[in-house]
Protein backbone atom coordinates (compact mmCIF):
# COMPACT_ATOMS: atom_id res chain seq x y z
CA UNK A 1 -40.87 -6.92 -0.82
CA UNK A 2 -38.79 -3.73 -0.96
CA UNK A 3 -35.02 -3.45 -0.54
CA UNK A 4 -35.24 -3.07 3.22
CA UNK A 5 -37.29 -6.23 3.40
CA UNK A 6 -34.73 -8.07 1.29
CA UNK A 7 -31.91 -6.91 3.55
CA UNK A 8 -33.77 -8.05 6.66
CA UNK A 9 -34.49 -11.41 5.06
CA UNK A 10 -30.83 -11.92 4.15
CA UNK A 11 -29.64 -11.53 7.76
CA UNK A 12 -32.62 -13.18 9.41
CA UNK A 13 -31.29 -16.01 11.63
CA UNK A 14 -33.99 -18.25 10.18
CA UNK A 15 -32.43 -17.89 6.71
CA UNK A 16 -29.69 -20.55 6.59
CA UNK A 17 -28.05 -19.58 3.29
CA UNK A 18 -26.18 -16.24 3.69
CA UNK A 19 -24.22 -17.25 6.80
CA UNK A 20 -23.23 -20.56 5.23
CA UNK A 21 -22.11 -18.87 2.01
CA UNK A 22 -20.10 -16.26 3.94
CA UNK A 23 -18.23 -18.66 6.22
CA UNK A 24 -17.56 -20.97 3.28
CA UNK A 25 -15.83 -18.07 1.50
CA UNK A 26 -13.79 -17.32 4.63
CA UNK A 27 -12.78 -20.98 4.84
CA UNK A 28 -11.81 -20.97 1.17
CA UNK A 29 -9.51 -17.98 1.71
CA UNK A 30 -7.56 -19.84 4.40
CA UNK A 31 -7.63 -23.42 3.15
CA UNK A 32 -7.72 -22.90 -0.62
CA UNK A 33 -10.96 -24.86 -0.95
CA UNK A 34 -14.27 -24.22 0.75
CA UNK A 35 -16.14 -26.74 2.86
CA UNK A 36 -18.45 -26.63 -0.14
CA UNK A 37 -15.94 -26.84 -2.96
CA UNK A 38 -18.27 -25.20 -5.50
CA UNK A 39 -18.43 -21.90 -3.64
CA UNK A 40 -20.03 -20.32 -6.72
CA UNK A 41 -22.93 -22.79 -6.56
CA UNK A 42 -24.73 -23.66 -3.32
CA UNK A 43 -27.70 -25.01 -5.24
CA UNK A 44 -28.75 -28.52 -6.15
CA UNK A 45 -26.07 -28.67 -8.88
CA UNK A 46 -23.24 -27.80 -6.47
CA UNK A 47 -21.04 -30.17 -4.52
CA UNK A 48 -22.13 -31.42 -1.12
CA UNK A 49 -20.16 -30.02 1.87
CA UNK A 50 -17.25 -32.18 2.94
CA UNK A 51 -18.20 -31.56 6.58
CA UNK A 52 -21.85 -30.45 6.94
CA UNK A 53 -21.70 -30.23 10.74
CA UNK A 54 -18.66 -27.94 10.62
CA UNK A 55 -20.33 -25.69 8.05
CA UNK A 56 -23.50 -25.47 10.15
CA UNK A 57 -21.55 -24.74 13.34
CA UNK A 58 -19.49 -21.98 11.75
CA UNK A 59 -22.63 -20.43 10.24
CA UNK A 60 -24.48 -20.41 13.55
CA UNK A 61 -21.42 -18.97 15.33
CA UNK A 62 -21.27 -16.23 12.71
CA UNK A 63 -24.89 -15.31 13.37
CA UNK A 64 -24.55 -15.70 17.15
CA UNK A 65 -21.66 -13.22 17.28
CA UNK A 66 -23.64 -10.61 15.37
CA UNK A 67 -22.08 -11.35 11.97
CA UNK A 68 -18.68 -10.35 13.37
CA UNK A 69 -16.30 -10.91 10.45
CA UNK A 70 -13.11 -10.31 12.44
CA UNK A 71 -14.18 -12.75 15.14
CA UNK A 72 -14.78 -15.41 12.50
CA UNK A 73 -11.32 -14.89 11.01
CA UNK A 74 -9.78 -15.24 14.46
CA UNK A 75 -11.79 -18.38 15.16
CA UNK A 76 -10.52 -20.05 11.98
CA UNK A 77 -6.84 -19.08 12.18
CA UNK A 78 -6.53 -19.99 15.87
CA UNK A 79 -8.15 -23.39 15.38
CA UNK A 80 -6.12 -26.57 15.76
CA UNK A 81 -7.18 -27.50 12.23
CA UNK A 82 -5.59 -24.43 10.67
CA UNK A 83 -2.43 -24.61 12.81
CA UNK A 84 -1.52 -28.12 11.68
CA UNK A 85 1.64 -28.76 9.70
CA UNK A 86 1.14 -28.84 5.94
CA UNK A 87 3.61 -31.71 5.54
CA UNK A 88 2.09 -34.69 3.76
CA UNK A 89 2.90 -38.37 3.73
CA UNK A 90 2.53 -40.60 0.65
CA UNK A 91 -0.27 -42.50 2.37
CA UNK A 92 -2.20 -39.32 3.14
CA UNK A 93 -1.64 -37.98 -0.37
CA UNK A 94 -3.20 -41.13 -1.78
CA UNK A 95 -6.12 -41.12 0.64
CA UNK A 96 -6.89 -37.39 0.63
CA UNK A 97 -5.00 -35.51 -2.13
CA UNK A 98 -7.11 -32.34 -1.81
CA UNK A 99 -7.07 -32.30 2.02
CA UNK A 100 -10.84 -32.49 2.19
CA UNK A 101 -10.56 -34.45 5.45
CA UNK A 102 -8.41 -31.68 6.99
CA UNK A 103 -5.74 -34.01 8.32
CA UNK A 104 -3.05 -31.41 7.57
CA UNK A 105 -2.65 -27.67 7.31
CA UNK A 106 -3.34 -25.78 4.07
CA UNK A 107 -0.75 -25.43 1.32
CA UNK A 108 -1.49 -23.53 -1.89
CA UNK A 109 0.02 -20.82 -4.07
CA UNK A 110 -0.65 -17.27 -2.96
CA UNK A 111 -3.30 -15.28 -4.88
CA UNK A 112 -1.96 -13.01 -7.62
CA UNK A 113 -2.20 -9.82 -5.57
CA UNK A 114 -0.40 -11.33 -2.59
CA UNK A 115 2.46 -12.68 -4.70
CA UNK A 116 3.24 -9.11 -5.75
CA UNK A 117 2.66 -7.64 -2.28
CA UNK A 118 4.81 -10.33 -0.69
CA UNK A 119 7.77 -9.57 -2.97
CA UNK A 120 7.46 -5.84 -2.28
CA UNK A 121 7.18 -6.46 1.46
CA UNK A 122 10.21 -8.75 1.65
CA UNK A 123 12.27 -6.20 -0.29
CA UNK A 124 11.15 -3.31 1.89
CA UNK A 125 9.48 -1.48 -1.00
CA UNK A 126 5.82 -2.00 -0.04
CA UNK A 127 3.93 1.22 0.70
CA UNK A 128 1.47 0.57 3.55
CA UNK A 129 -0.62 3.71 3.22
CA UNK A 130 -4.34 3.05 3.53
CA UNK A 131 -6.93 4.59 1.22
CA UNK A 132 -6.62 7.01 -1.65
CA UNK A 133 -6.94 6.87 -5.41
CA UNK A 134 -6.08 3.93 -7.64
CA UNK A 135 -2.49 3.72 -8.87
CA UNK A 136 -0.87 2.76 -12.16
CA UNK A 137 2.05 0.34 -11.61
CA UNK A 138 4.40 -0.97 -14.30
CA UNK A 139 2.68 -2.29 -17.41
CA UNK A 140 3.97 -3.22 -20.90
CA UNK A 141 4.05 -0.10 -23.06
CA UNK A 142 1.21 0.22 -25.52
CA UNK A 143 -0.96 -2.53 -24.02
CA UNK A 144 -3.56 -0.16 -22.57
CA UNK A 145 -3.76 1.95 -25.74
CA UNK A 146 -3.97 -1.14 -27.96
CA UNK A 147 -7.16 -2.20 -26.19
CA UNK A 148 -8.68 1.27 -25.94
CA UNK A 149 -11.90 2.11 -27.75
CA UNK A 150 -10.71 5.36 -29.31
CA UNK A 151 -11.66 9.02 -29.00
CA UNK A 152 -14.65 10.16 -27.00
CA UNK A 153 -13.98 7.89 -24.04
CA UNK A 154 -12.06 8.42 -20.81
CA UNK A 155 -9.14 6.31 -19.68
CA UNK A 156 -7.58 5.87 -23.11
CA UNK A 157 -3.99 6.56 -22.00
CA UNK A 158 -2.04 4.73 -19.32
CA UNK A 159 0.08 7.15 -17.29
CA UNK A 160 2.44 5.21 -15.07
CA UNK A 161 2.50 6.26 -11.42
CA UNK A 162 5.59 7.71 -9.81
CA UNK A 163 7.26 7.55 -6.43
CA UNK A 164 5.67 5.49 -3.67
CA UNK A 165 2.51 4.96 -5.72
CA UNK A 166 4.39 2.37 -7.78
CA UNK A 167 4.72 0.21 -4.66
CA UNK A 168 1.26 0.41 -3.17
CA UNK A 169 -0.59 -2.78 -2.32
CA UNK A 170 -2.16 -4.52 -5.29
CA UNK A 171 -5.66 -3.78 -4.04
CA UNK A 172 -5.08 -0.17 -5.19
CA UNK A 173 -4.04 -1.12 -8.73
CA UNK A 174 -6.27 0.44 -11.41
CA UNK A 175 -8.54 -2.04 -13.17
CA UNK A 176 -9.98 -1.52 -16.60
CA UNK A 177 -12.51 -4.15 -17.50
CA UNK A 178 -11.04 -4.80 -20.94
CA UNK A 179 -7.39 -4.37 -19.85
CA UNK A 180 -6.86 -6.02 -16.44
CA UNK A 181 -3.35 -5.85 -14.92
CA UNK A 182 -1.36 -8.34 -17.02
CA UNK A 183 0.89 -9.62 -14.23
CA UNK A 184 -2.10 -10.34 -12.00
CA UNK A 185 -3.90 -12.11 -14.82
CA UNK A 186 -0.82 -14.27 -15.34
CA UNK A 187 -1.32 -15.56 -11.80
CA UNK A 188 -5.01 -16.36 -12.34
CA UNK A 189 -6.66 -13.15 -11.14
CA UNK A 190 -10.03 -13.09 -12.95
CA UNK A 191 -11.12 -10.25 -15.19
CA UNK A 192 -14.00 -8.09 -14.03
CA UNK A 193 -16.39 -8.69 -16.86
CA UNK A 194 -18.23 -11.23 -14.71
CA UNK A 195 -18.45 -12.25 -11.08
CA UNK A 196 -16.01 -14.93 -9.96
CA UNK A 197 -16.52 -16.66 -6.61
CA UNK A 198 -13.63 -19.09 -7.02
CA UNK A 199 -10.32 -18.65 -8.82
CA UNK A 200 -8.67 -21.36 -10.82
CA UNK A 201 -5.02 -22.12 -10.00
CA UNK A 202 -2.67 -22.84 -12.89
CA UNK A 203 1.05 -23.46 -13.18
CA UNK A 204 2.53 -22.09 -16.41
CA UNK A 205 5.97 -21.09 -17.75
CA UNK A 206 4.66 -17.55 -18.21
CA UNK A 207 4.40 -17.21 -14.43
CA UNK A 208 8.08 -18.00 -14.00
CA UNK A 209 8.97 -15.53 -16.73
CA UNK A 210 6.94 -12.83 -14.98
CA UNK A 211 8.69 -13.44 -11.66
CA UNK A 212 12.08 -13.28 -13.35
CA UNK A 213 11.55 -10.35 -15.71
CA UNK A 214 8.67 -8.13 -14.61
CA UNK A 215 10.12 -4.75 -13.47
CA UNK A 216 8.33 -5.03 -10.13
CA UNK A 217 10.10 -8.27 -9.23
CA UNK A 218 13.50 -7.25 -10.65
CA UNK A 219 13.33 -4.03 -8.66
CA UNK A 220 12.21 -5.92 -5.55
CA UNK A 221 15.20 -8.26 -5.99
CA UNK A 222 17.53 -5.26 -6.13
CA UNK A 223 16.13 -3.78 -2.93
CA UNK A 224 16.28 -7.15 -1.19
CA UNK A 225 19.91 -7.42 -2.32
CA UNK A 226 20.62 -4.02 -0.78
CA UNK A 227 19.06 -5.21 2.48
CA UNK A 228 21.26 -8.32 2.34
CA UNK A 229 24.39 -6.18 1.97
CA UNK A 230 23.51 -3.60 4.62
CA UNK A 231 21.59 -5.68 7.17
CA UNK A 232 22.57 -9.29 6.48
CA UNK A 233 26.10 -9.13 7.85
CA UNK A 234 29.53 -9.29 6.28
CA UNK A 235 29.63 -12.93 5.18
CA UNK A 236 27.97 -14.32 2.07
CA UNK A 237 26.39 -17.15 4.05
CA UNK A 238 24.94 -14.69 6.56
CA UNK A 239 23.42 -12.58 3.80
CA UNK A 240 21.84 -15.61 2.19
CA UNK A 241 20.39 -16.78 5.51
CA UNK A 242 19.00 -13.30 6.13
CA UNK A 243 17.20 -13.03 2.78
CA UNK A 244 16.04 -16.64 2.83
CA UNK A 245 14.49 -16.16 6.26
CA UNK A 246 12.74 -12.95 5.17
CA UNK A 247 11.22 -14.70 2.15
CA UNK A 248 10.34 -18.14 3.55
CA UNK A 249 10.30 -17.80 7.32
CA UNK A 250 13.16 -20.27 7.84
CA UNK A 251 16.89 -20.54 7.28
CA UNK A 252 18.17 -22.57 4.32
CA UNK A 253 19.59 -26.04 4.81
CA UNK A 254 23.20 -26.74 3.93
CA UNK A 255 22.43 -27.83 0.36
CA UNK A 256 20.27 -24.79 -0.36
CA UNK A 257 22.89 -22.48 1.10
CA UNK A 258 25.66 -24.08 -0.96
CA UNK A 259 23.68 -23.64 -4.19
CA UNK A 260 23.00 -19.99 -3.49
CA UNK A 261 26.62 -19.37 -2.47
CA UNK A 262 27.80 -20.87 -5.74
CA UNK A 263 25.35 -18.72 -7.66
CA UNK A 264 26.56 -15.60 -5.84
CA UNK A 265 30.17 -16.36 -6.72
CA UNK A 266 29.37 -17.03 -10.37
CA UNK A 267 27.26 -13.89 -10.67
CA UNK A 268 29.92 -11.72 -9.06
CA UNK A 269 32.61 -13.07 -11.42
CA UNK A 270 30.34 -12.44 -14.40
CA UNK A 271 29.47 -8.87 -13.44
CA UNK A 272 33.09 -8.00 -12.65
CA UNK A 273 33.92 -8.88 -16.23
CA UNK A 274 30.83 -7.24 -17.72
CA UNK A 275 30.09 -4.05 -15.83
CA UNK A 276 27.64 -2.92 -18.51
CA UNK A 277 25.41 -5.89 -17.71
CA UNK A 278 25.44 -5.00 -14.02
CA UNK A 279 24.50 -1.43 -14.86
CA UNK A 280 21.62 -2.62 -17.07
CA UNK A 281 20.26 -4.86 -14.31
CA UNK A 282 20.43 -2.12 -11.69
CA UNK A 283 18.65 0.35 -14.00
CA UNK A 284 15.41 -1.67 -14.04
CA UNK A 285 12.63 0.19 -12.25
CA UNK A 286 11.99 3.80 -11.38
CA UNK A 287 13.94 3.84 -8.11
CA UNK A 288 17.66 4.52 -7.87
CA UNK A 289 20.27 2.14 -6.51
CA UNK A 290 22.14 2.93 -3.29
CA UNK A 291 25.23 4.86 -4.50
CA UNK A 292 27.25 3.66 -1.49
CA UNK A 293 27.04 0.02 -2.60
CA UNK A 294 29.41 -1.48 -5.15
CA UNK A 295 27.25 -1.86 -8.31
CA UNK A 296 28.83 -5.11 -9.45
CA UNK A 297 28.41 -6.71 -6.05
CA UNK A 298 24.87 -5.36 -5.79
CA UNK A 299 24.02 -6.84 -9.20
CA UNK A 300 25.37 -10.22 -8.10
CA UNK A 301 23.28 -10.21 -4.95
CA UNK A 302 20.29 -9.01 -6.98
CA UNK A 303 20.59 -12.23 -8.99
CA UNK A 304 20.63 -14.29 -5.79
CA UNK A 305 17.71 -12.33 -4.34
CA UNK A 306 15.77 -12.96 -7.55
CA UNK A 307 16.28 -16.70 -7.11
CA UNK A 308 15.02 -16.53 -3.53
CA UNK A 309 11.95 -14.52 -4.50
CA UNK A 310 11.21 -17.09 -7.22
CA UNK A 311 11.30 -20.10 -4.92
CA UNK A 312 8.12 -22.14 -4.82
CA UNK A 313 8.22 -21.82 -1.04
CA UNK A 314 8.26 -18.01 -1.29
CA UNK A 315 5.05 -17.80 -3.32
CA UNK A 316 3.26 -20.60 -1.48
CA UNK A 317 1.16 -20.40 1.66
CA UNK A 318 1.93 -23.31 3.95
């Protein structure tokens, strides 16, 4: 068999495997777990599908529609199964903790790339250009060079991008096999030394530190704060509601609003007394702050915006 023969065999309707593997990966992207949980292993050592009939039906639909990927995405996201609420009762949590019976909608933390893209999008910083060369976003100084192999090889120096390239979608971030983007790795993005069909999901203190201190997220908080001040209205409560809705898709309840209002007042009092700290916060990142906004007030709202961008609900798909 030559390569053409292999290609024809892979998409032959009589071959049941490729379509099943493909739709299982699509399902995993939307629900967090595939119909076959071990998406990296469809063999005899893998897990049995939780719903064999559903897997077979999706696979045959995929083939019937001419392997139309977009049509399959639409079919899944418009299904009643996907559109269910992700709220869970104690009884359901005990009976089906991993939602294998699909009695509720999906709820899981966003992938590493989407956590970054989501923060940039909410802040208004995200650059939506399509195509082009890879970009070099913020990275700890010296990390790239520390892991480099030395003279005689290319890519030994990390030259940080400038302008809009710093805010391109994460899919354009440069990857070096031995030095993957550290922030993405923190959120469980795999390295590229081997194929990975399924990502692990961890919850570590380092992730919280990255969301609070990485220049990308501090800068995104500052830009979201500027949006709060210029587009969120004149009142503190209105600004909080505006940012909260941008980040989570809903308005805060009274308790959440009260906590954020208190934090805004405390931060503003602190920065009015320590203007140097406000200046240091606003200097994070390559972009410049809006000169028309009061720097101490902007720093205070940057703190509040940082809290909102760090909410579990902000970085979770539900």
